[in-house]
Amino acid sequence: MLSVECTRFRVKKGASEKVTEWLQFLNDHLDDVLVTLEAEKMYVETIFREVLNGEEYLYWYSVRGQGGIDVEESTHWIDIKHLEYWDECIDPTFKPVDLSTEVVMIPNKIQSYMN
């Protein structure tokens, strides 16, 4: 069974430049990032960025299989650095918002590769 999620996180005030650095870091090391997704059973992970009413947010969209490890369990250097950026940039006082999944449109042929 697949888990499809989209969650909104608020960026700490004054951390916008650090977020830009973080996202560039992930893009610059995408080959290493992709290796870590295997252990997480993460088939698709996308980060969106938005400024709304003067507040900055990051949205994580993911399609994930069952039985993968959580990123916090990883010992891979890229995940350790990713979590350091997370701590520097994501506002812990804001309760993350899980958007409601209403329709999942993934062709059966593609889903068969995700199990």
PDB file of N, CA and C in Angstrom:
ATOM      1  N   MET A   1       0.832  -1.184   0.000  1.00  0.00           N
ATOM      2  CA  MET A   1       0.000   0.000   0.000  1.00  0.00           C
ATOM      3  C   MET A   1       0.877   1.247   0.000  1.00  0.00           C
ATOM      4  N   LEU A   2       0.485   2.219  -0.779  1.00  0.00           N
ATOM      5  CA  LEU A   2       1.240   3.459  -0.885  1.00  0.00           C
ATOM      6  C   LEU A   2       0.696   4.515   0.067  1.00  0.00           C
ATOM      7  N   SER A   3       1.584   5.337   0.560  1.00  0.00           N
ATOM      8  CA  SER A   3       1.222   6.496   1.369  1.00  0.00           C
ATOM      9  C   SER A   3       1.526   7.735   0.528  1.00  0.00           C
ATOM     10  N   VAL A   4       0.516   8.552   0.287  1.00  0.00           N
ATOM     11  CA  VAL A   4       0.678   9.788  -0.485  1.00  0.00           C
ATOM     12  C   VAL A   4       0.372  10.946   0.449  1.00  0.00           C
ATOM     13  N   GLU A   5       1.348  11.827   0.635  1.00  0.00           N
ATOM     14  CA  GLU A   5       1.199  12.913   1.598  1.00  0.00           C
ATOM     15  C   GLU A   5       1.714  14.236   1.037  1.00  0.00           C
ATOM     16  N   CYS A   6       1.118  15.302   1.545  1.00  0.00           N
ATOM     17  CA  CYS A   6       1.620  16.655   1.311  1.00  0.00           C
ATOM     18  C   CYS A   6       1.462  17.404   2.626  1.00  0.00           C
ATOM     19  N   THR A   7       2.575  17.871   3.167  1.00  0.00           N
ATOM     20  CA  THR A   7       2.579  18.512   4.481  1.00  0.00           C
ATOM     21  C   THR A   7       3.260  19.866   4.388  1.00  0.00           C
ATOM     22  N   ARG A   8       2.653  20.859   5.084  1.00  0.00           N
ATOM     23  CA  ARG A   8       3.191  22.228   5.103  1.00  0.00           C
ATOM     24  C   ARG A   8       3.917  22.464   6.422  1.00  0.00           C
ATOM     25  N   PHE A   9       5.125  23.028   6.309  1.00  0.00           N
ATOM     26  CA  PHE A   9       5.943  23.403   7.461  1.00  0.00           C
ATOM     27  C   PHE A   9       6.288  24.885   7.338  1.00  0.00           C
ATOM     28  N   ARG A  10       6.293  25.598   8.445  1.00  0.00           N
ATOM     29  CA  ARG A  10       6.656  27.016   8.408  1.00  0.00           C
ATOM     30  C   ARG A  10       8.162  27.169   8.626  1.00  0.00           C
ATOM     31  N   VAL A  11       8.730  28.080   7.872  1.00  0.00           N
ATOM     32  CA  VAL A  11      10.155  28.408   7.980  1.00  0.00           C
ATOM     33  C   VAL A  11      10.337  29.415   9.121  1.00  0.00           C
ATOM     34  N   LYS A  12      11.393  29.240   9.887  1.00  0.00           N
ATOM     35  CA  LYS A  12      11.723  30.193  10.950  1.00  0.00           C
ATOM     36  C   LYS A  12      11.944  31.583  10.353  1.00  0.00           C
ATOM     37  N   LYS A  13      11.536  32.594  11.085  1.00  0.00           N
ATOM     38  CA  LYS A  13      11.776  33.973  10.645  1.00  0.00           C
ATOM     39  C   LYS A  13      13.280  34.194  10.496  1.00  0.00           C
ATOM     40  N   GLY A  14      13.666  34.819   9.406  1.00  0.00           N
ATOM     41  CA  GLY A  14      15.070  35.123   9.157  1.00  0.00           C
ATOM     42  C   GLY A  14      15.881  33.976   8.575  1.00  0.00           C
ATOM     43  N   ALA A  15      15.229  32.846   8.294  1.00  0.00           N
ATOM     44  CA  ALA A  15      15.966  31.676   7.796  1.00  0.00           C
ATOM     45  C   ALA A  15      15.845  31.471   6.285  1.00  0.00           C
ATOM     46  N   SER A  16      15.290  32.432   5.578  1.00  0.00           N
ATOM     47  CA  SER A  16      15.050  32.268   4.150  1.00  0.00           C
ATOM     48  C   SER A  16      16.333  31.995   3.356  1.00  0.00           C
ATOM     49  N   GLU A  17      17.392  32.717   3.670  1.00  0.00           N
ATOM     50  CA  GLU A  17      18.668  32.482   2.963  1.00  0.00           C
ATOM     51  C   GLU A  17      19.200  31.084   3.254  1.00  0.00           C
ATOM     52  N   LYS A  18      19.039  30.626   4.487  1.00  0.00           N
ATOM     53  CA  LYS A  18      19.481  29.281   4.853  1.00  0.00           C
ATOM     54  C   LYS A  18      18.646  28.235   4.119  1.00  0.00           C
ATOM     55  N   VAL A  19      17.347  28.497   3.919  1.00  0.00           N
ATOM     56  CA  VAL A  19      16.494  27.585   3.151  1.00  0.00           C
ATOM     57  C   VAL A  19      16.992  27.499   1.715  1.00  0.00           C
ATOM     58  N   THR A  20      17.341  28.642   1.131  1.00  0.00           N
ATOM     59  CA  THR A  20      17.875  28.645  -0.234  1.00  0.00           C
ATOM     60  C   THR A  20      19.138  27.795  -0.299  1.00  0.00           C
ATOM     61  N   GLU A  21      20.015  27.946   0.691  1.00  0.00           N
ATOM     62  CA  GLU A  21      21.243  27.146   0.763  1.00  0.00           C
ATOM     63  C   GLU A  21      20.902  25.660   0.884  1.00  0.00           C
ATOM     64  N   TRP A  22      19.938  25.307   1.722  1.00  0.00           N
ATOM     65  CA  TRP A  22      19.508  23.926   1.947  1.00  0.00           C
ATOM     66  C   TRP A  22      18.996  23.295   0.659  1.00  0.00           C
ATOM     67  N   LEU A  23      18.095  23.983  -0.007  1.00  0.00           N
ATOM     68  CA  LEU A  23      17.519  23.434  -1.234  1.00  0.00           C
ATOM     69  C   LEU A  23      18.569  23.297  -2.322  1.00  0.00           C
ATOM     70  N   GLN A  24      19.498  24.256  -2.378  1.00  0.00           N
ATOM     71  CA  GLN A  24      20.596  24.152  -3.342  1.00  0.00           C
ATOM     72  C   GLN A  24      21.502  22.972  -2.998  1.00  0.00           C
ATOM     73  N   PHE A  25      21.747  22.764  -1.708  1.00  0.00           N
ATOM     74  CA  PHE A  25      22.536  21.620  -1.247  1.00  0.00           C
ATOM     75  C   PHE A  25      21.898  20.315  -1.724  1.00  0.00           C
ATOM     76  N   LEU A  26      20.590  20.176  -1.540  1.00  0.00           N
ATOM     77  CA  LEU A  26      19.903  18.958  -1.984  1.00  0.00           C
ATOM     78  C   LEU A  26      20.013  18.782  -3.499  1.00  0.00           C
ATOM     79  N   ASN A  27      19.822  19.861  -4.240  1.00  0.00           N
ATOM     80  CA  ASN A  27      19.947  19.787  -5.700  1.00  0.00           C
ATOM     81  C   ASN A  27      21.380  19.449  -6.126  1.00  0.00           C
ATOM     82  N   ASP A  28      22.363  20.029  -5.446  1.00  0.00           N
ATOM     83  CA  ASP A  28      23.765  19.784  -5.791  1.00  0.00           C
ATOM     84  C   ASP A  28      24.209  18.360  -5.477  1.00  0.00           C
ATOM     85  N   HIS A  29      23.546  17.700  -4.536  1.00  0.00           N
ATOM     86  CA  HIS A  29      23.916  16.345  -4.112  1.00  0.00           C
ATOM     87  C   HIS A  29      22.799  15.349  -4.400  1.00  0.00           C
ATOM     88  N   LEU A  30      22.088  15.580  -5.484  1.00  0.00           N
ATOM     89  CA  LEU A  30      20.903  14.777  -5.780  1.00  0.00           C
ATOM     90  C   LEU A  30      21.217  13.291  -5.921  1.00  0.00           C
ATOM     91  N   ASP A  31      22.361  12.929  -6.464  1.00  0.00           N
ATOM     92  CA  ASP A  31      22.705  11.511  -6.593  1.00  0.00           C
ATOM     93  C   ASP A  31      22.747  10.835  -5.224  1.00  0.00           C
ATOM     94  N   ASP A  32      23.336  11.499  -4.229  1.00  0.00           N
ATOM     95  CA  ASP A  32      23.382  10.945  -2.871  1.00  0.00           C
ATOM     96  C   ASP A  32      21.999  10.934  -2.230  1.00  0.00           C
ATOM     97  N   VAL A  33      21.224  11.984  -2.479  1.00  0.00           N
ATOM     98  CA  VAL A  33      19.859  12.036  -1.952  1.00  0.00           C
ATOM     99  C   VAL A  33      19.051  10.851  -2.474  1.00  0.00           C
ATOM    100  N   LEU A  34      19.153  10.584  -3.763  1.00  0.00           N
ATOM    101  CA  LEU A  34      18.380   9.499  -4.366  1.00  0.00           C
ATOM    102  C   LEU A  34      18.747   8.138  -3.790  1.00  0.00           C
ATOM    103  N   VAL A  35      20.009   7.953  -3.428  1.00  0.00           N
ATOM    104  CA  VAL A  35      20.440   6.693  -2.811  1.00  0.00           C
ATOM    105  C   VAL A  35      19.718   6.487  -1.484  1.00  0.00           C
ATOM    106  N   THR A  36      19.564   7.542  -0.699  1.00  0.00           N
ATOM    107  CA  THR A  36      18.939   7.403   0.616  1.00  0.00           C
ATOM    108  C   THR A  36      17.440   7.123   0.518  1.00  0.00           C
ATOM    109  N   LEU A  37      16.820   7.530  -0.574  1.00  0.00           N
ATOM    110  CA  LEU A  37      15.382   7.313  -0.725  1.00  0.00           C
ATOM    111  C   LEU A  37      15.035   5.832  -0.816  1.00  0.00           C
ATOM    112  N   GLU A  38      15.949   5.036  -1.329  1.00  0.00           N
ATOM    113  CA  GLU A  38      15.709   3.590  -1.457  1.00  0.00           C
ATOM    114  C   GLU A  38      15.386   2.960  -0.099  1.00  0.00           C
ATOM    115  N   ALA A  39      16.209   3.241   0.908  1.00  0.00           N
ATOM    116  CA  ALA A  39      16.011   2.651   2.234  1.00  0.00           C
ATOM    117  C   ALA A  39      14.717   3.150   2.895  1.00  0.00           C
ATOM    118  N   GLU A  40      14.287   4.342   2.499  1.00  0.00           N
ATOM    119  CA  GLU A  40      13.063   4.916   3.049  1.00  0.00           C
ATOM    120  C   GLU A  40      11.811   4.427   2.313  1.00  0.00           C
ATOM    121  N   LYS A  41      12.001   3.668   1.236  1.00  0.00           N
ATOM    122  CA  LYS A  41      10.882   3.265   0.368  1.00  0.00           C
ATOM    123  C   LYS A  41      10.144   4.506  -0.144  1.00  0.00           C
ATOM    124  N   MET A  42      10.918   5.576  -0.369  1.00  0.00           N
ATOM    125  CA  MET A  42      10.382   6.838  -0.842  1.00  0.00           C
ATOM    126  C   MET A  42      10.499   6.844  -2.368  1.00  0.00           C
ATOM    127  N   TYR A  43       9.356   6.745  -3.027  1.00  0.00           N
ATOM    128  CA  TYR A  43       9.343   6.657  -4.482  1.00  0.00           C
ATOM    129  C   TYR A  43       9.332   8.028  -5.132  1.00  0.00           C
ATOM    130  N   VAL A  44       8.689   8.977  -4.495  1.00  0.00           N
ATOM    131  CA  VAL A  44       8.650  10.356  -4.987  1.00  0.00           C
ATOM    132  C   VAL A  44       8.724  11.265  -3.768  1.00  0.00           C
ATOM    133  N   GLU A  45       9.609  12.238  -3.817  1.00  0.00           N
ATOM    134  CA  GLU A  45       9.647  13.258  -2.772  1.00  0.00           C
ATOM    135  C   GLU A  45       9.955  14.582  -3.444  1.00  0.00           C
ATOM    136  N   THR A  46       9.104  15.548  -3.198  1.00  0.00           N
ATOM    137  CA  THR A  46       9.232  16.860  -3.825  1.00  0.00           C
ATOM    138  C   THR A  46       9.030  17.916  -2.751  1.00  0.00           C
ATOM    139  N   ILE A  47       9.854  18.962  -2.800  1.00  0.00           N
ATOM    140  CA  ILE A  47       9.728  20.072  -1.856  1.00  0.00           C
ATOM    141  C   ILE A  47       9.271  21.300  -2.637  1.00  0.00           C
ATOM    142  N   PHE A  48       8.208  21.913  -2.150  1.00  0.00           N
ATOM    143  CA  PHE A  48       7.697  23.153  -2.729  1.00  0.00           C
ATOM    144  C   PHE A  48       7.936  24.273  -1.723  1.00  0.00           C
ATOM    145  N   ARG A  49       8.050  25.492  -2.243  1.00  0.00           N
ATOM    146  CA  ARG A  49       8.314  26.654  -1.400  1.00  0.00           C
ATOM    147  C   ARG A  49       7.281  27.733  -1.706  1.00  0.00           C
ATOM    148  N   GLU A  50       6.805  28.405  -0.642  1.00  0.00           N
ATOM    149  CA  GLU A  50       5.789  29.441  -0.841  1.00  0.00           C
ATOM    150  C   GLU A  50       5.923  30.511   0.238  1.00  0.00           C
ATOM    151  N   VAL A  51       5.670  31.758  -0.160  1.00  0.00           N
ATOM    152  CA  VAL A  51       5.508  32.846   0.800  1.00  0.00           C
ATOM    153  C   VAL A  51       4.045  33.241   0.739  1.00  0.00           C
ATOM    154  N   LEU A  52       3.383  33.199   1.911  1.00  0.00           N
ATOM    155  CA  LEU A  52       1.960  33.479   2.001  1.00  0.00           C
ATOM    156  C   LEU A  52       1.726  34.409   3.184  1.00  0.00           C
ATOM    157  N   ASN A  53       1.149  35.575   2.899  1.00  0.00           N
ATOM    158  CA  ASN A  53       0.875  36.568   3.962  1.00  0.00           C
ATOM    159  C   ASN A  53       2.121  36.883   4.783  1.00  0.00           C
ATOM    160  N   GLY A  54       3.252  36.983   4.115  1.00  0.00           N
ATOM    161  CA  GLY A  54       4.494  37.349   4.782  1.00  0.00           C
ATOM    162  C   GLY A  54       5.206  36.214   5.506  1.00  0.00           C
ATOM    163  N   GLU A  55       4.626  35.026   5.492  1.00  0.00           N
ATOM    164  CA  GLU A  55       5.247  33.854   6.122  1.00  0.00           C
ATOM    165  C   GLU A  55       5.750  32.913   5.033  1.00  0.00           C
ATOM    166  N   GLU A  56       6.904  32.314   5.277  1.00  0.00           N
ATOM    167  CA  GLU A  56       7.457  31.366   4.306  1.00  0.00           C
ATOM    168  C   GLU A  56       7.167  29.945   4.752  1.00  0.00           C
ATOM    169  N   TYR A  57       6.806  29.102   3.779  1.00  0.00           N
ATOM    170  CA  TYR A  57       6.466  27.708   4.048  1.00  0.00           C
ATOM    171  C   TYR A  57       7.184  26.794   3.065  1.00  0.00           C
ATOM    172  N   LEU A  58       7.469  25.596   3.538  1.00  0.00           N
ATOM    173  CA  LEU A  58       7.929  24.518   2.678  1.00  0.00           C
ATOM    174  C   LEU A  58       6.882  23.421   2.742  1.00  0.00           C
ATOM    175  N   TYR A  59       6.609  22.827   1.598  1.00  0.00           N
ATOM    176  CA  TYR A  59       5.655  21.727   1.500  1.00  0.00           C
ATOM    177  C   TYR A  59       6.409  20.488   1.044  1.00  0.00           C
ATOM    178  N   TRP A  60       6.199  19.385   1.718  1.00  0.00           N
ATOM    179  CA  TRP A  60       6.773  18.103   1.314  1.00  0.00           C
ATOM    180  C   TRP A  60       5.657  17.256   0.709  1.00  0.00           C
ATOM    181  N   TYR A  61       5.854  16.874  -0.543  1.00  0.00           N
ATOM    182  CA  TYR A  61       4.936  15.949  -1.206  1.00  0.00           C
ATOM    183  C   TYR A  61       5.686  14.635  -1.361  1.00  0.00           C
ATOM    184  N   SER A  62       5.034  13.527  -0.972  1.00  0.00           N
ATOM    185  CA  SER A  62       5.730  12.250  -1.083  1.00  0.00           C
ATOM    186  C   SER A  62       4.785  11.117  -1.439  1.00  0.00           C
ATOM    187  N   VAL A  63       5.361  10.145  -2.126  1.00  0.00           N
ATOM    188  CA  VAL A  63       4.714   8.867  -2.397  1.00  0.00           C
ATOM    189  C   VAL A  63       5.680   7.828  -1.856  1.00  0.00           C
ATOM    190  N   ARG A  64       5.189   7.058  -0.874  1.00  0.00           N
ATOM    191  CA  ARG A  64       6.082   6.165  -0.137  1.00  0.00           C
ATOM    192  C   ARG A  64       5.448   4.791   0.030  1.00  0.00           C
ATOM    193  N   GLY A  65       6.280   3.771  -0.032  1.00  0.00           N
ATOM    194  CA  GLY A  65       5.842   2.406   0.227  1.00  0.00           C
ATOM    195  C   GLY A  65       5.927   2.081   1.708  1.00  0.00           C
ATOM    196  N   GLN A  66       5.546   0.881   2.056  1.00  0.00           N
ATOM    197  CA  GLN A  66       5.576   0.442   3.452  1.00  0.00           C
ATOM    198  C   GLN A  66       6.932  -0.167   3.796  1.00  0.00           C
ATOM    199  N   GLY A  67       7.303  -0.046   5.066  1.00  0.00           N
ATOM    200  CA  GLY A  67       8.480  -0.748   5.564  1.00  0.00           C
ATOM    201  C   GLY A  67       9.793  -0.018   5.432  1.00  0.00           C
ATOM    202  N   GLY A  68       9.782   1.215   4.985  1.00  0.00           N
ATOM    203  CA  GLY A  68      11.030   1.961   4.871  1.00  0.00           C
ATOM    204  C   GLY A  68      11.445   2.563   6.202  1.00  0.00           C
ATOM    205  N   ILE A  69      12.704   2.935   6.293  1.00  0.00           N
ATOM    206  CA  ILE A  69      13.185   3.590   7.511  1.00  0.00           C
ATOM    207  C   ILE A  69      12.823   5.072   7.459  1.00  0.00           C
ATOM    208  N   ASP A  70      12.735   5.705   8.614  1.00  0.00           N
ATOM    209  CA  ASP A  70      12.532   7.144   8.682  1.00  0.00           C
ATOM    210  C   ASP A  70      13.878   7.833   8.495  1.00  0.00           C
ATOM    211  N   VAL A  71      13.841   9.035   7.950  1.00  0.00           N
ATOM    212  CA  VAL A  71      15.083   9.766   7.683  1.00  0.00           C
ATOM    213  C   VAL A  71      15.885   9.950   8.976  1.00  0.00           C
ATOM    214  N   GLU A  72      15.213  10.064  10.108  1.00  0.00           N
ATOM    215  CA  GLU A  72      15.900  10.237  11.388  1.00  0.00           C
ATOM    216  C   GLU A  72      16.712   9.000  11.780  1.00  0.00           C
ATOM    217  N   GLU A  73      16.402   7.859  11.202  1.00  0.00           N
ATOM    218  CA  GLU A  73      17.131   6.619  11.495  1.00  0.00           C
ATOM    219  C   GLU A  73      18.363   6.439  10.612  1.00  0.00           C
ATOM    220  N   SER A  74      18.462   7.226   9.568  1.00  0.00           N
ATOM    221  CA  SER A  74      19.547   7.071   8.596  1.00  0.00           C
ATOM    222  C   SER A  74      20.880   7.519   9.185  1.00  0.00           C
ATOM    223  N   THR A  75      21.941   6.823   8.789  1.00  0.00           N
ATOM    224  CA  THR A  75      23.294   7.225   9.174  1.00  0.00           C
ATOM    225  C   THR A  75      24.061   7.792   7.978  1.00  0.00           C
ATOM    226  N   HIS A  76      23.393   7.923   6.842  1.00  0.00           N
ATOM    227  CA  HIS A  76      24.024   8.460   5.634  1.00  0.00           C
ATOM    228  C   HIS A  76      24.330   9.942   5.842  1.00  0.00           C
ATOM    229  N   TRP A  77      25.499  10.367   5.414  1.00  0.00           N
ATOM    230  CA  TRP A  77      25.932  11.753   5.646  1.00  0.00           C
ATOM    231  C   TRP A  77      24.956  12.774   5.074  1.00  0.00           C
ATOM    232  N   ILE A  78      24.328  12.468   3.954  1.00  0.00           N
ATOM    233  CA  ILE A  78      23.419  13.433   3.324  1.00  0.00           C
ATOM    234  C   ILE A  78      22.187  13.649   4.201  1.00  0.00           C
ATOM    235  N   ASP A  79      21.695  12.583   4.833  1.00  0.00           N
ATOM    236  CA  ASP A  79      20.537  12.713   5.710  1.00  0.00           C
ATOM    237  C   ASP A  79      20.888  13.452   6.995  1.00  0.00           C
ATOM    238  N   ILE A  80      22.079  13.220   7.498  1.00  0.00           N
ATOM    239  CA  ILE A  80      22.529  13.931   8.698  1.00  0.00           C
ATOM    240  C   ILE A  80      22.588  15.428   8.417  1.00  0.00           C
ATOM    241  N   LYS A  81      23.154  15.806   7.279  1.00  0.00           N
ATOM    242  CA  LYS A  81      23.228  17.222   6.892  1.00  0.00           C
ATOM    243  C   LYS A  81      21.833  17.783   6.636  1.00  0.00           C
ATOM    244  N   HIS A  82      20.975  17.004   5.995  1.00  0.00           N
ATOM    245  CA  HIS A  82      19.592  17.407   5.720  1.00  0.00           C
ATOM    246  C   HIS A  82      18.864  17.743   7.033  1.00  0.00           C
ATOM    247  N   LEU A  83      19.034  16.906   8.046  1.00  0.00           N
ATOM    248  CA  LEU A  83      18.382  17.144   9.330  1.00  0.00           C
ATOM    249  C   LEU A  83      18.975  18.341  10.072  1.00  0.00           C
ATOM    250  N   GLU A  84      20.259  18.622   9.853  1.00  0.00           N
ATOM    251  CA  GLU A  84      20.862  19.836  10.425  1.00  0.00           C
ATOM    252  C   GLU A  84      20.194  21.071   9.832  1.00  0.00           C
ATOM    253  N   TYR A  85      20.013  21.068   8.505  1.00  0.00           N
ATOM    254  CA  TYR A  85      19.315  22.177   7.856  1.00  0.00           C
ATOM    255  C   TYR A  85      17.884  22.277   8.388  1.00  0.00           C
ATOM    256  N   TRP A  86      17.220  21.135   8.532  1.00  0.00           N
ATOM    257  CA  TRP A  86      15.850  21.113   9.051  1.00  0.00           C
ATOM    258  C   TRP A  86      15.781  21.862  10.387  1.00  0.00           C
ATOM    259  N   ASP A  87      16.681  21.510  11.300  1.00  0.00           N
ATOM    260  CA  ASP A  87      16.686  22.134  12.621  1.00  0.00           C
ATOM    261  C   ASP A  87      16.941  23.640  12.544  1.00  0.00           C
ATOM    262  N   GLU A  88      17.750  24.070  11.584  1.00  0.00           N
ATOM    263  CA  GLU A  88      18.060  25.483  11.431  1.00  0.00           C
ATOM    264  C   GLU A  88      16.910  26.264  10.785  1.00  0.00           C
ATOM    265  N   CYS A  89      16.098  25.583   9.980  1.00  0.00           N
ATOM    266  CA  CYS A  89      15.146  26.297   9.134  1.00  0.00           C
ATOM    267  C   CYS A  89      13.671  26.120   9.481  1.00  0.00           C
ATOM    268  N   ILE A  90      13.284  24.985  10.000  1.00  0.00           N
ATOM    269  CA  ILE A  90      11.861  24.698  10.226  1.00  0.00           C
ATOM    270  C   ILE A  90      11.447  25.147  11.622  1.00  0.00           C
ATOM    271  N   ASP A  91      10.358  25.899  11.684  1.00  0.00           N
ATOM    272  CA  ASP A  91       9.846  26.462  12.933  1.00  0.00           C
ATOM    273  C   ASP A  91       9.162  25.368  13.761  1.00  0.00           C
ATOM    274  N   PRO A  92       9.745  24.989  14.903  1.00  0.00           N
ATOM    275  CA  PRO A  92       9.156  23.918  15.713  1.00  0.00           C
ATOM    276  C   PRO A  92       7.895  24.351  16.466  1.00  0.00           C
ATOM    277  N   THR A  93       7.616  25.663  16.506  1.00  0.00           N
ATOM    278  CA  THR A  93       6.414  26.131  17.202  1.00  0.00           C
ATOM    279  C   THR A  93       5.172  26.058  16.321  1.00  0.00           C
ATOM    280  N   PHE A  94       5.354  25.783  15.035  1.00  0.00           N
ATOM    281  CA  PHE A  94       4.234  25.683  14.100  1.00  0.00           C
ATOM    282  C   PHE A  94       3.867  24.218  13.916  1.00  0.00           C
ATOM    283  N   LYS A  95       2.608  23.886  14.169  1.00  0.00           N
ATOM    284  CA  LYS A  95       2.151  22.506  13.978  1.00  0.00           C
ATOM    285  C   LYS A  95       2.045  22.228  12.482  1.00  0.00           C
ATOM    286  N   PRO A  96       2.788  21.253  11.961  1.00  0.00           N
ATOM    287  CA  PRO A  96       2.719  20.946  10.525  1.00  0.00           C
ATOM    288  C   PRO A  96       1.284  20.657  10.102  1.00  0.00           C
ATOM    289  N   VAL A  97       0.965  21.044   8.891  1.00  0.00           N
ATOM    290  CA  VAL A  97      -0.382  20.858   8.354  1.00  0.00           C
ATOM    291  C   VAL A  97      -0.332  19.783   7.270  1.00  0.00           C
ATOM    292  N   ASP A  98      -1.019  18.671   7.512  1.00  0.00           N
ATOM    293  CA  ASP A  98      -1.147  17.619   6.509  1.00  0.00           C
ATOM    294  C   ASP A  98      -2.341  17.955   5.629  1.00  0.00           C
ATOM    295  N   LEU A  99      -2.086  18.184   4.354  1.00  0.00           N
ATOM    296  CA  LEU A  99      -3.178  18.445   3.431  1.00  0.00           C
ATOM    297  C   LEU A  99      -3.945  17.153   3.198  1.00  0.00           C
ATOM    298  N   SER A 100      -5.209  17.270   2.937  1.00  0.00           N
ATOM    299  CA  SER A 100      -6.072  16.104   2.767  1.00  0.00           C
ATOM    300  C   SER A 100      -5.876  15.488   1.385  1.00  0.00           C
ATOM    301  N   THR A 101      -5.559  14.197   1.354  1.00  0.00           N
ATOM    302  CA  THR A 101      -5.428  13.490   0.085  1.00  0.00           C
ATOM    303  C   THR A 101      -6.821  13.115  -0.391  1.00  0.00           C
ATOM    304  N   GLU A 102      -7.209  13.609  -1.551  1.00  0.00           N
ATOM    305  CA  GLU A 102      -8.547  13.380  -2.075  1.00  0.00           C
ATOM    306  C   GLU A 102      -8.560  12.399  -3.246  1.00  0.00           C
ATOM    307  N   VAL A 103      -7.593  12.518  -4.138  1.00  0.00           N
ATOM    308  CA  VAL A 103      -7.522  11.646  -5.303  1.00  0.00           C
ATOM    309  C   VAL A 103      -6.053  11.340  -5.575  1.00  0.00           C
ATOM    310  N   VAL A 104      -5.734  10.079  -5.763  1.00  0.00           N
ATOM    311  CA  VAL A 104      -4.377   9.674  -6.129  1.00  0.00           C
ATOM    312  C   VAL A 104      -4.444   9.097  -7.537  1.00  0.00           C
ATOM    313  N   MET A 105      -3.733   9.731  -8.452  1.00  0.00           N
ATOM    314  CA  MET A 105      -3.773   9.307  -9.852  1.00  0.00           C
ATOM    315  C   MET A 105      -2.394   8.803 -10.265  1.00  0.00           C
ATOM    316  N   ILE A 106      -2.175   7.531 -10.013  1.00  0.00           N
ATOM    317  CA  ILE A 106      -0.944   6.860 -10.417  1.00  0.00           C
ATOM    318  C   ILE A 106      -1.365   5.633 -11.208  1.00  0.00           C
ATOM    319  N   PRO A 107      -1.002   5.565 -12.475  1.00  0.00           N
ATOM    320  CA  PRO A 107      -1.401   4.404 -13.277  1.00  0.00           C
ATOM    321  C   PRO A 107      -0.939   3.095 -12.638  1.00  0.00           C
ATOM    322  N   ASN A 108      -1.756   2.058 -12.799  1.00  0.00           N
ATOM    323  CA  ASN A 108      -1.441   0.739 -12.233  1.00  0.00           C
ATOM    324  C   ASN A 108      -0.064   0.253 -12.647  1.00  0.00           C
ATOM    325  N   LYS A 109       0.308   0.500 -13.875  1.00  0.00           N
ATOM    326  CA  LYS A 109       1.617   0.066 -14.369  1.00  0.00           C
ATOM    327  C   LYS A 109       2.743   0.691 -13.538  1.00  0.00           C
ATOM    328  N   ILE A 110       2.603   1.965 -13.194  1.00  0.00           N
ATOM    329  CA  ILE A 110       3.609   2.637 -12.382  1.00  0.00           C
ATOM    330  C   ILE A 110       3.543   2.133 -10.939  1.00  0.00           C
ATOM    331  N   GLN A 111       2.335   1.981 -10.408  1.00  0.00           N
ATOM    332  CA  GLN A 111       2.180   1.489  -9.028  1.00  0.00           C
ATOM    333  C   GLN A 111       2.793   0.109  -8.851  1.00  0.00           C
ATOM    334  N   SER A 112       2.738  -0.713  -9.881  1.00  0.00           N
ATOM    335  CA  SER A 112       3.299  -2.064  -9.767  1.00  0.00           C
ATOM    336  C   SER A 112       4.806  -2.023  -9.513  1.00  0.00           C
ATOM    337  N   TYR A 113       5.476  -0.980  -9.949  1.00  0.00           N
ATOM    338  CA  TYR A 113       6.903  -0.823  -9.697  1.00  0.00           C
ATOM    339  C   TYR A 113       7.179  -0.287  -8.293  1.00  0.00           C
ATOM    340  N   MET A 114       6.153   0.232  -7.633  1.00  0.00           N
ATOM    341  CA  MET A 114       6.314   0.872  -6.335  1.00  0.00           C
ATOM    342  C   MET A 114       6.041  -0.089  -5.181  1.00  0.00           C
ATOM    343  N   ASN A 115       5.804  -1.331  -5.434  1.00  0.00           N
ATOM    344  CA  ASN A 115       5.501  -2.269  -4.357  1.00  0.00           C
ATOM    345  C   ASN A 115       6.619  -3.260  -4.136  1.00  0.00           C
TER     346      ASN A 115
END
